[in-house]
Amino acid sequence: MAAVGTLTIEMAANVARLQRDMERATKTVGGAMDRIQRSVQGATRALGVFTAAFAAYKTVQGIIQQADAMTQLNSRLQLVTRSQEEFLKTQTALVSISQRSYTSLTATVDLYAALARSTANLGVSQNELLRVVETFNKSIIISGGSVQAAEAAITQFNQAMASGVLRGEEFNSI
């Protein structure tokens, strides 16, 4: 019987030790979980900051690309205008034509510049060129073509005007 009593006391002591060890392990795991949670929260904040910075970078990059494209368009337009006043009037008119005809501003400016270069010695007025550009742009849209098809036709027409010859391939495209 004494052996059973000793065994019971030893088991109780072992259970008490096991409980203490379990409480220590729970505290250790709890502390580790708290540290992990704080690390994850820090990483989440850092990811949010990185995402915001990347979005800002892409926005600025897009603005710079748009500014570069506009600078190139303005340069092309300045090559075929004789004064700042004519440049501003033509630029405003081409933006309006592009919006009214639902064509890209780039294609519209390129068409105007090509026409202006090819008709420079013919005495064609700025207003006549603008009317031709608008009519050409609208005729492409009325034909039911997509914006990409309109740009392709304008490009082909520009090439024909630059070379002074409307070849079969360009004619078919237009």
Protein backbone atom coordinates (compact mmCIF):
# COMPACT_ATOMS: atom_id res chain seq x y z
CA MET A 1 0.00 0.00 0.00
CA ALA A 2 2.82 2.38 0.74
CA ALA A 3 4.00 1.88 -2.82
CA VAL A 4 0.59 2.97 -4.12
CA GLY A 5 0.67 6.10 -1.94
CA THR A 6 4.21 6.93 -3.04
CA LEU A 7 3.20 6.35 -6.64
CA THR A 8 0.22 8.69 -6.21
CA ILE A 9 2.42 11.39 -4.67
CA GLU A 10 4.99 11.01 -7.46
CA MET A 11 2.25 11.22 -10.09
CA ALA A 12 0.84 14.34 -8.48
CA ALA A 13 4.34 15.86 -8.44
CA ASN A 14 4.85 14.90 -12.08
CA VAL A 15 1.46 16.39 -13.03
CA ALA A 16 2.36 19.61 -11.18
CA ARG A 17 5.73 19.76 -12.98
CA LEU A 18 4.00 19.03 -16.29
CA GLN A 19 1.52 21.85 -15.60
CA ARG A 20 4.33 24.29 -14.83
CA ASP A 21 6.22 23.20 -17.97
CA MET A 22 3.04 23.61 -20.03
CA GLU A 23 2.44 27.09 -18.62
CA ARG A 24 6.04 28.07 -19.43
CA ALA A 25 5.71 26.64 -22.95
CA THR A 26 2.39 28.48 -23.41
CA LYS A 27 4.01 31.76 -22.33
CA THR A 28 6.99 31.14 -24.63
CA VAL A 29 4.73 30.30 -27.60
CA GLY A 30 2.47 33.25 -26.77
CA GLY A 31 5.45 35.62 -26.70
CA ALA A 32 6.72 34.21 -29.98
CA MET A 33 3.26 34.60 -31.53
CA ASP A 34 3.12 38.22 -30.33
CA ARG A 35 6.52 38.91 -31.91
CA ILE A 36 5.41 37.23 -35.15
CA GLN A 37 2.19 39.25 -35.18
CA ARG A 38 4.13 42.50 -34.67
CA SER A 39 6.52 41.50 -37.47
CA VAL A 40 3.64 40.74 -39.81
CA GLN A 41 2.01 44.08 -38.98
CA GLY A 42 5.31 45.86 -39.66
CA ALA A 43 5.70 44.03 -42.95
CA THR A 44 2.12 44.92 -43.88
CA ARG A 45 2.79 48.59 -43.16
CA ALA A 46 6.03 48.45 -45.16
CA LEU A 47 4.21 46.79 -48.05
CA GLY A 48 1.57 49.52 -47.93
CA VAL A 49 4.25 52.22 -48.02
CA PHE A 50 6.01 50.42 -50.89
CA THR A 51 2.74 50.08 -52.82
CA ALA A 52 1.97 53.78 -52.37
CA ALA A 53 5.49 54.73 -53.44
CA PHE A 54 5.30 52.46 -56.49
CA ALA A 55 1.92 53.90 -57.48
CA ALA A 56 3.31 57.41 -57.13
CA TYR A 57 6.34 56.43 -59.23
CA LYS A 58 4.15 54.96 -62.00
CA THR A 59 1.94 58.06 -61.94
CA VAL A 60 4.92 60.38 -62.25
CA GLN A 61 6.37 58.15 -64.97
CA GLY A 62 3.08 58.35 -66.89
CA ILE A 63 2.98 62.12 -66.53
CA ILE A 64 6.56 62.38 -67.80
CA GLN A 65 5.75 60.15 -70.78
CA GLN A 66 2.70 62.26 -71.58
CA ALA A 67 4.75 65.44 -71.29
CA ASP A 68 7.40 63.98 -73.60
CA ALA A 69 4.75 62.96 -76.13
CA MET A 70 3.22 66.43 -76.00
CA THR A 71 6.65 68.02 -76.42
CA GLN A 72 7.26 65.88 -79.51
CA LEU A 73 3.85 66.82 -80.95
CA ASN A 74 4.52 70.49 -80.30
CA SER A 75 7.92 70.22 -81.96
CA ARG A 76 6.39 68.64 -85.08
CA LEU A 77 3.78 71.36 -85.16
CA GLN A 78 6.32 74.15 -84.67
CA LEU A 79 8.22 72.91 -87.72
CA VAL A 80 5.25 73.68 -89.97
CA THR A 81 4.02 76.92 -88.38
CA ARG A 82 5.58 80.31 -88.98
CA SER A 83 4.81 82.10 -85.70
CA GLN A 84 3.88 81.46 -82.10
CA GLU A 85 0.40 82.82 -82.78
CA GLU A 86 -0.10 80.45 -85.72
CA PHE A 87 1.29 77.58 -83.63
CA LEU A 88 -1.15 78.22 -80.76
CA LYS A 89 -4.12 78.61 -83.09
CA THR A 90 -3.23 75.44 -84.97
CA GLN A 91 -2.58 73.50 -81.78
CA THR A 92 -5.95 74.49 -80.33
CA ALA A 93 -7.71 73.67 -83.60
CA LEU A 94 -6.05 70.25 -83.86
CA VAL A 95 -6.98 69.34 -80.29
CA SER A 96 -10.59 70.27 -81.08
CA ILE A 97 -10.55 68.31 -84.35
CA SER A 98 -9.11 65.29 -82.58
CA GLN A 99 -11.81 65.42 -79.92
CA ARG A 100 -14.67 65.99 -82.38
CA SER A 101 -13.53 63.21 -84.69
CA TYR A 102 -12.56 60.77 -81.92
CA THR A 103 -9.07 60.25 -83.35
CA SER A 104 -5.76 60.40 -81.58
CA LEU A 105 -4.09 63.76 -81.23
CA THR A 106 -0.81 62.26 -82.39
CA ALA A 107 -2.31 61.03 -85.66
CA THR A 108 -4.12 64.32 -86.18
CA VAL A 109 -0.99 66.43 -85.65
CA ASP A 110 1.04 64.08 -87.85
CA LEU A 111 -1.55 64.38 -90.63
CA TYR A 112 -1.57 68.17 -90.38
CA ALA A 113 2.24 68.34 -90.37
CA ALA A 114 2.50 66.03 -93.40
CA LEU A 115 -0.10 68.03 -95.31
CA ALA A 116 1.55 71.32 -94.36
CA ARG A 117 4.95 70.09 -95.55
CA SER A 118 3.63 68.65 -98.80
CA THR A 119 1.54 71.73 -99.65
CA ALA A 120 4.00 74.38 -98.46
CA ASN A 121 4.71 75.62 -102.00
CA LEU A 122 1.08 75.56 -103.08
CA GLY A 123 -0.11 78.50 -101.02
CA VAL A 124 -2.67 76.46 -99.05
CA SER A 125 -3.94 78.37 -96.00
CA GLN A 126 -3.89 77.11 -92.45
CA ASN A 127 -7.71 77.03 -92.36
CA GLU A 128 -7.85 74.95 -95.54
CA LEU A 129 -5.39 72.46 -94.07
CA LEU A 130 -7.41 72.25 -90.86
CA ARG A 131 -10.59 71.59 -92.86
CA VAL A 132 -8.87 68.83 -94.83
CA VAL A 133 -7.57 67.22 -91.63
CA GLU A 134 -10.99 67.34 -89.98
CA THR A 135 -12.73 66.01 -93.09
CA PHE A 136 -10.21 63.19 -93.43
CA ASN A 137 -10.49 62.23 -89.74
CA LYS A 138 -14.29 62.31 -89.79
CA SER A 139 -14.52 60.34 -93.02
CA ILE A 140 -12.50 57.53 -91.45
CA ILE A 141 -14.73 57.46 -88.38
CA ILE A 142 -17.92 57.62 -90.49
CA SER A 143 -16.66 54.62 -92.46
CA GLY A 144 -17.03 52.61 -89.24
CA GLY A 145 -13.37 51.90 -88.69
CA SER A 146 -11.85 51.50 -85.27
CA VAL A 147 -9.51 54.05 -83.73
CA GLN A 148 -6.58 51.81 -84.67
CA ALA A 149 -7.82 51.56 -88.26
CA ALA A 150 -8.18 55.34 -88.37
CA GLU A 151 -4.61 55.80 -87.14
CA ALA A 152 -3.35 53.28 -89.71
CA ALA A 153 -5.19 55.10 -92.52
CA ILE A 154 -3.85 58.46 -91.36
CA THR A 155 -0.33 57.01 -91.24
CA GLN A 156 -0.71 55.63 -94.78
CA PHE A 157 -2.07 58.96 -96.00
CA ASN A 158 0.84 60.76 -94.30
CA GLN A 159 3.29 58.47 -96.09
CA ALA A 160 1.58 59.13 -99.40
CA MET A 161 1.73 62.89 -98.82
CA ALA A 162 5.38 62.72 -97.80
CA SER A 163 6.39 60.73 -100.87
CA GLY A 164 4.11 62.65 -103.22
CA VAL A 165 2.68 59.39 -104.59
CA LEU A 166 -0.35 57.38 -103.50
CA ARG A 167 0.69 53.76 -104.05
CA GLY A 168 -1.72 50.84 -104.24
CA GLU A 169 -0.97 49.56 -100.74
CA GLU A 170 -1.50 52.99 -99.21
CA PHE A 171 -4.64 53.54 -101.30
CA ASN A 172 -6.10 50.21 -100.16
CA SER A 173 -5.33 51.00 -96.53
CA ILE A 174 -6.93 54.43 -96.75
